[in-house]
Amino acid sequence: MEGLREGRRIVENVRKGLVFLVSTHVALLGFILLATLVGYGQPLLPLQILWLELFIDLSTSVAFEREAEEPGAMEHPPRPRGEPLLTVPLLVRIALAGAFTAVTALAAMSWHGGDTEHVRWLAYTALVIGQLVRAYSNRSLSISVLRLRRNGFLAIACLVAVVIQVAIPFVPPLADAFRASPLDAEEWVIVAAISFTPAIIAEVIRRFGRTWVA
């Protein structure tokens, strides 16, 4: 029984990790594609993409391995043999969540106005914070995160990433490399709206017992 319990936990955590990685790359690549199509020659710098890929993806993906068993996991029927981890309905939800972040980040970049490098940093910050919120929100795809046990590693990884993202514009060598500039209070509200809206929608839907992706 314990082996079955652990097997289910591992399979479910692999699925959550895949959901996170695919949804964040839909957001990132979707933003780059759309921004390029509307005329932004270089929507993101290579260093910015590297920061997303190496640190944030790696740290948050590893954290899913430490995720505890969800409440009531052993009450679910066995997963049908041959069923993929990412089913078509789940892929559709992943695409919707990632597309929302990509489109709203581009909208913020296009409608905000001002210096090109500053609005690029605004959109990029929305992508980064959105990715961190998505990681924490997708700790379960069907249960409210408020009902889950704590995942200290993931919480620390997200906190460290936020602190670094906020600090980059204030550290001259990093600010020059990332072409970053501090965001004002209004811009942080925009970042928060883009980042938390998918998680709030997912939380509401999960309260009704439905599976959803943030």
Protein backbone atom coordinates (compact mmCIF):
# COMPACT_ATOMS: atom_id res chain seq x y z
CA MET A 1 0.00 0.00 0.00
CA GLU A 2 2.79 2.42 0.87
CA GLY A 3 4.49 1.65 -2.43
CA LEU A 4 1.27 2.42 -4.29
CA ARG A 5 0.83 5.63 -2.32
CA GLU A 6 4.37 6.77 -3.12
CA GLY A 7 3.97 5.80 -6.77
CA ARG A 8 0.86 7.91 -7.09
CA ARG A 9 2.60 10.86 -5.44
CA ILE A 10 5.56 10.63 -7.80
CA VAL A 11 3.41 10.34 -10.94
CA GLU A 12 1.23 13.26 -9.89
CA ASN A 13 4.26 15.42 -9.11
CA VAL A 14 5.77 14.61 -12.50
CA ARG A 15 2.51 15.71 -14.09
CA LYS A 16 2.52 18.98 -12.11
CA GLY A 17 6.10 19.64 -13.15
CA LEU A 18 5.20 19.07 -16.79
CA VAL A 19 2.18 21.37 -16.50
CA PHE A 20 4.35 24.09 -15.01
CA LEU A 21 7.10 23.79 -17.61
CA VAL A 22 4.76 23.67 -20.59
CA SER A 23 2.53 26.53 -19.39
CA THR A 24 5.46 28.81 -18.60
CA HIS A 25 7.03 28.14 -21.99
CA VAL A 26 3.72 28.82 -23.71
CA ALA A 27 3.72 32.19 -21.93
CA LEU A 28 7.37 32.95 -22.71
CA LEU A 29 7.47 31.79 -26.32
CA GLY A 30 3.99 33.16 -26.99
CA PHE A 31 5.06 36.57 -25.75
CA ILE A 32 8.22 36.54 -27.89
CA LEU A 33 6.28 35.44 -30.98
CA LEU A 34 3.47 37.95 -30.58
CA ALA A 35 5.81 40.82 -29.71
CA THR A 36 7.93 40.06 -32.77
CA LEU A 37 4.87 39.95 -35.00
CA VAL A 38 3.67 43.37 -33.82
CA GLY A 39 7.03 44.98 -34.46
CA TYR A 40 9.28 44.61 -31.43
CA GLY A 41 12.62 43.62 -32.92
CA GLN A 42 14.01 42.13 -29.71
CA PRO A 43 11.21 41.55 -27.19
CA LEU A 44 13.57 39.98 -24.63
CA LEU A 45 17.33 39.96 -24.22
CA PRO A 46 19.20 36.61 -24.30
CA LEU A 47 20.29 37.20 -20.68
CA GLN A 48 16.68 37.70 -19.60
CA ILE A 49 15.62 34.44 -21.24
CA LEU A 50 18.58 32.68 -19.64
CA TRP A 51 17.56 33.94 -16.18
CA LEU A 52 14.09 32.53 -16.72
CA GLU A 53 15.31 29.21 -18.04
CA LEU A 54 18.24 28.43 -15.76
CA PHE A 55 17.31 29.70 -12.32
CA ILE A 56 13.55 29.97 -12.16
CA ASP A 57 12.60 26.91 -14.21
CA LEU A 58 15.24 24.77 -12.52
CA SER A 59 14.49 25.80 -8.94
CA THR A 60 10.72 25.58 -9.23
CA SER A 61 10.79 22.31 -11.19
CA VAL A 62 12.99 20.64 -8.57
CA ALA A 63 10.57 21.86 -5.91
CA PHE A 64 7.74 19.78 -7.38
CA GLU A 65 9.68 16.63 -6.52
CA ARG A 66 9.29 17.57 -2.85
CA GLU A 67 5.54 18.10 -3.05
CA ALA A 68 3.63 16.04 -0.48
CA GLU A 69 0.73 13.76 -1.28
CA GLU A 70 -2.52 15.61 -1.91
CA PRO A 71 -5.48 15.09 0.45
CA GLY A 72 -7.60 12.13 -0.65
CA ALA A 73 -5.07 10.93 -3.22
CA MET A 74 -5.68 7.26 -2.41
CA GLU A 75 -9.44 7.66 -2.84
CA HIS A 76 -9.12 8.33 -6.58
CA PRO A 77 -9.56 5.44 -9.02
CA PRO A 78 -6.44 4.20 -10.83
CA ARG A 79 -5.38 6.17 -13.88
CA PRO A 80 -6.32 4.25 -17.06
CA ARG A 81 -3.40 2.37 -18.59
CA GLY A 82 -2.05 4.22 -21.61
CA GLU A 83 -3.56 7.58 -20.63
CA PRO A 84 -0.98 10.33 -21.18
CA LEU A 85 0.07 12.53 -18.28
CA LEU A 86 -1.01 15.58 -20.28
CA THR A 87 -4.42 14.87 -21.74
CA VAL A 88 -6.00 17.02 -24.46
CA PRO A 89 -8.34 18.87 -22.03
CA LEU A 90 -5.38 19.57 -19.76
CA LEU A 91 -3.28 20.83 -22.69
CA VAL A 92 -6.11 23.18 -23.64
CA ARG A 93 -6.14 24.62 -20.11
CA ILE A 94 -2.35 24.94 -20.18
CA ALA A 95 -2.56 26.84 -23.47
CA LEU A 96 -5.22 29.19 -22.11
CA ALA A 97 -3.23 29.99 -18.98
CA GLY A 98 0.01 30.57 -20.86
CA ALA A 99 -1.69 32.60 -23.57
CA PHE A 100 -3.29 34.89 -20.99
CA THR A 101 0.11 35.77 -19.55
CA ALA A 102 1.67 36.25 -22.99
CA VAL A 103 -1.13 38.51 -24.27
CA THR A 104 -1.46 40.63 -21.13
CA ALA A 105 2.32 41.10 -20.83
CA LEU A 106 2.41 42.27 -24.44
CA ALA A 107 -0.58 44.55 -23.81
CA ALA A 108 1.21 46.11 -20.86
CA MET A 109 4.30 46.62 -23.00
CA SER A 110 2.34 48.14 -25.90
CA TRP A 111 -0.12 50.36 -24.04
CA HIS A 112 2.11 51.64 -21.26
CA GLY A 113 4.18 53.90 -23.49
CA GLY A 114 7.54 55.45 -22.69
CA ASP A 115 11.06 54.18 -23.08
CA THR A 116 11.28 50.90 -25.00
CA GLU A 117 13.76 49.29 -22.61
CA HIS A 118 11.65 50.24 -19.58
CA VAL A 119 8.41 48.80 -20.97
CA ARG A 120 10.31 45.67 -21.97
CA TRP A 121 11.49 45.35 -18.36
CA LEU A 122 7.89 45.85 -17.20
CA ALA A 123 6.64 43.04 -19.44
CA TYR A 124 9.57 40.82 -18.52
CA THR A 125 8.95 41.33 -14.80
CA ALA A 126 5.32 40.33 -15.34
CA LEU A 127 6.52 37.13 -17.03
CA VAL A 128 8.95 36.36 -14.19
CA ILE A 129 6.54 37.00 -11.32
CA GLY A 130 3.75 35.28 -13.24
CA GLN A 131 5.95 32.21 -13.57
CA LEU A 132 6.60 32.12 -9.83
CA VAL A 133 2.92 32.52 -8.96
CA ARG A 134 2.09 29.80 -11.50
CA ALA A 135 4.55 27.43 -9.86
CA TYR A 136 2.98 27.85 -6.44
CA SER A 137 -0.61 27.84 -7.69
CA ASN A 138 -0.12 24.63 -9.69
CA ARG A 139 1.01 22.63 -6.67
CA SER A 140 -2.38 21.00 -7.19
CA LEU A 141 -4.55 21.06 -10.29
CA SER A 142 -7.82 20.21 -8.53
CA ILE A 143 -7.47 21.27 -4.87
CA SER A 144 -7.15 24.74 -3.38
CA VAL A 145 -3.53 25.49 -2.50
CA LEU A 146 -4.80 26.61 0.92
CA ARG A 147 -5.57 22.95 1.71
CA LEU A 148 -2.08 21.68 0.83
CA ARG A 149 0.85 21.11 3.14
CA ARG A 150 3.64 23.64 2.98
CA ASN A 151 6.42 23.25 0.43
CA GLY A 152 9.25 25.17 2.05
CA PHE A 153 11.73 24.65 -0.77
CA LEU A 154 9.34 26.07 -3.36
CA ALA A 155 8.38 29.00 -1.13
CA ILE A 156 12.05 29.89 -0.56
CA ALA A 157 12.89 29.52 -4.26
CA CYS A 158 10.04 31.85 -5.23
CA LEU A 159 10.95 34.38 -2.55
CA VAL A 160 14.61 34.45 -3.59
CA ALA A 161 13.64 34.91 -7.23
CA VAL A 162 11.30 37.82 -6.37
CA VAL A 163 13.98 39.53 -4.27
CA ILE A 164 16.54 39.19 -7.06
CA GLN A 165 14.06 40.46 -9.67
CA VAL A 166 13.27 43.53 -7.55
CA ALA A 167 16.95 44.16 -6.80
CA ILE A 168 18.31 43.91 -10.35
CA PRO A 169 17.50 47.54 -11.36
CA PHE A 170 19.27 48.84 -8.24
CA VAL A 171 22.56 46.98 -8.80
CA PRO A 172 24.41 48.90 -11.56
CA PRO A 173 26.24 45.97 -13.20
CA LEU A 174 23.04 43.89 -13.27
CA ALA A 175 20.89 46.84 -14.32
CA ASP A 176 23.22 47.47 -17.27
CA ALA A 177 23.32 43.81 -18.26
CA PHE A 178 19.54 43.36 -18.04
CA ARG A 179 18.81 46.93 -19.20
CA ALA A 180 16.54 47.18 -16.19
CA SER A 181 14.99 50.22 -14.54
CA PRO A 182 12.94 50.41 -11.30
CA LEU A 183 9.18 50.03 -11.60
CA ASP A 184 6.87 52.49 -9.85
CA ALA A 185 3.84 51.56 -7.71
CA GLU A 186 1.40 51.69 -10.64
CA GLU A 187 3.60 49.40 -12.70
CA TRP A 188 3.84 46.90 -9.86
CA VAL A 189 0.04 46.86 -9.74
CA ILE A 190 0.07 45.95 -13.45
CA VAL A 191 2.60 43.19 -12.77
CA ALA A 192 0.49 41.85 -9.89
CA ALA A 193 -2.69 41.87 -11.99
CA ILE A 194 -1.03 39.93 -14.81
CA SER A 195 0.64 37.49 -12.43
CA PHE A 196 -2.19 36.68 -10.02
CA THR A 197 -5.28 36.70 -12.26
CA PRO A 198 -4.76 33.14 -13.66
CA ALA A 199 -4.09 31.83 -10.13
CA ILE A 200 -7.24 33.49 -8.75
CA ILE A 201 -9.36 32.09 -11.59
CA ALA A 202 -7.89 28.61 -11.02
CA GLU A 203 -8.51 28.85 -7.29
CA VAL A 204 -12.18 29.74 -7.81
CA ILE A 205 -12.73 26.91 -10.32
CA ARG A 206 -11.01 24.38 -8.06
CA ARG A 207 -13.34 25.31 -5.22
CA PHE A 208 -16.11 23.77 -7.33
CA GLY A 209 -14.18 20.50 -7.67
CA ARG A 210 -12.95 21.15 -11.20
CA THR A 211 -9.41 20.72 -12.55
CA TRP A 212 -7.79 23.91 -13.79
CA VAL A 213 -4.34 25.29 -14.61
CA ALA A 214 -3.07 28.67 -13.44
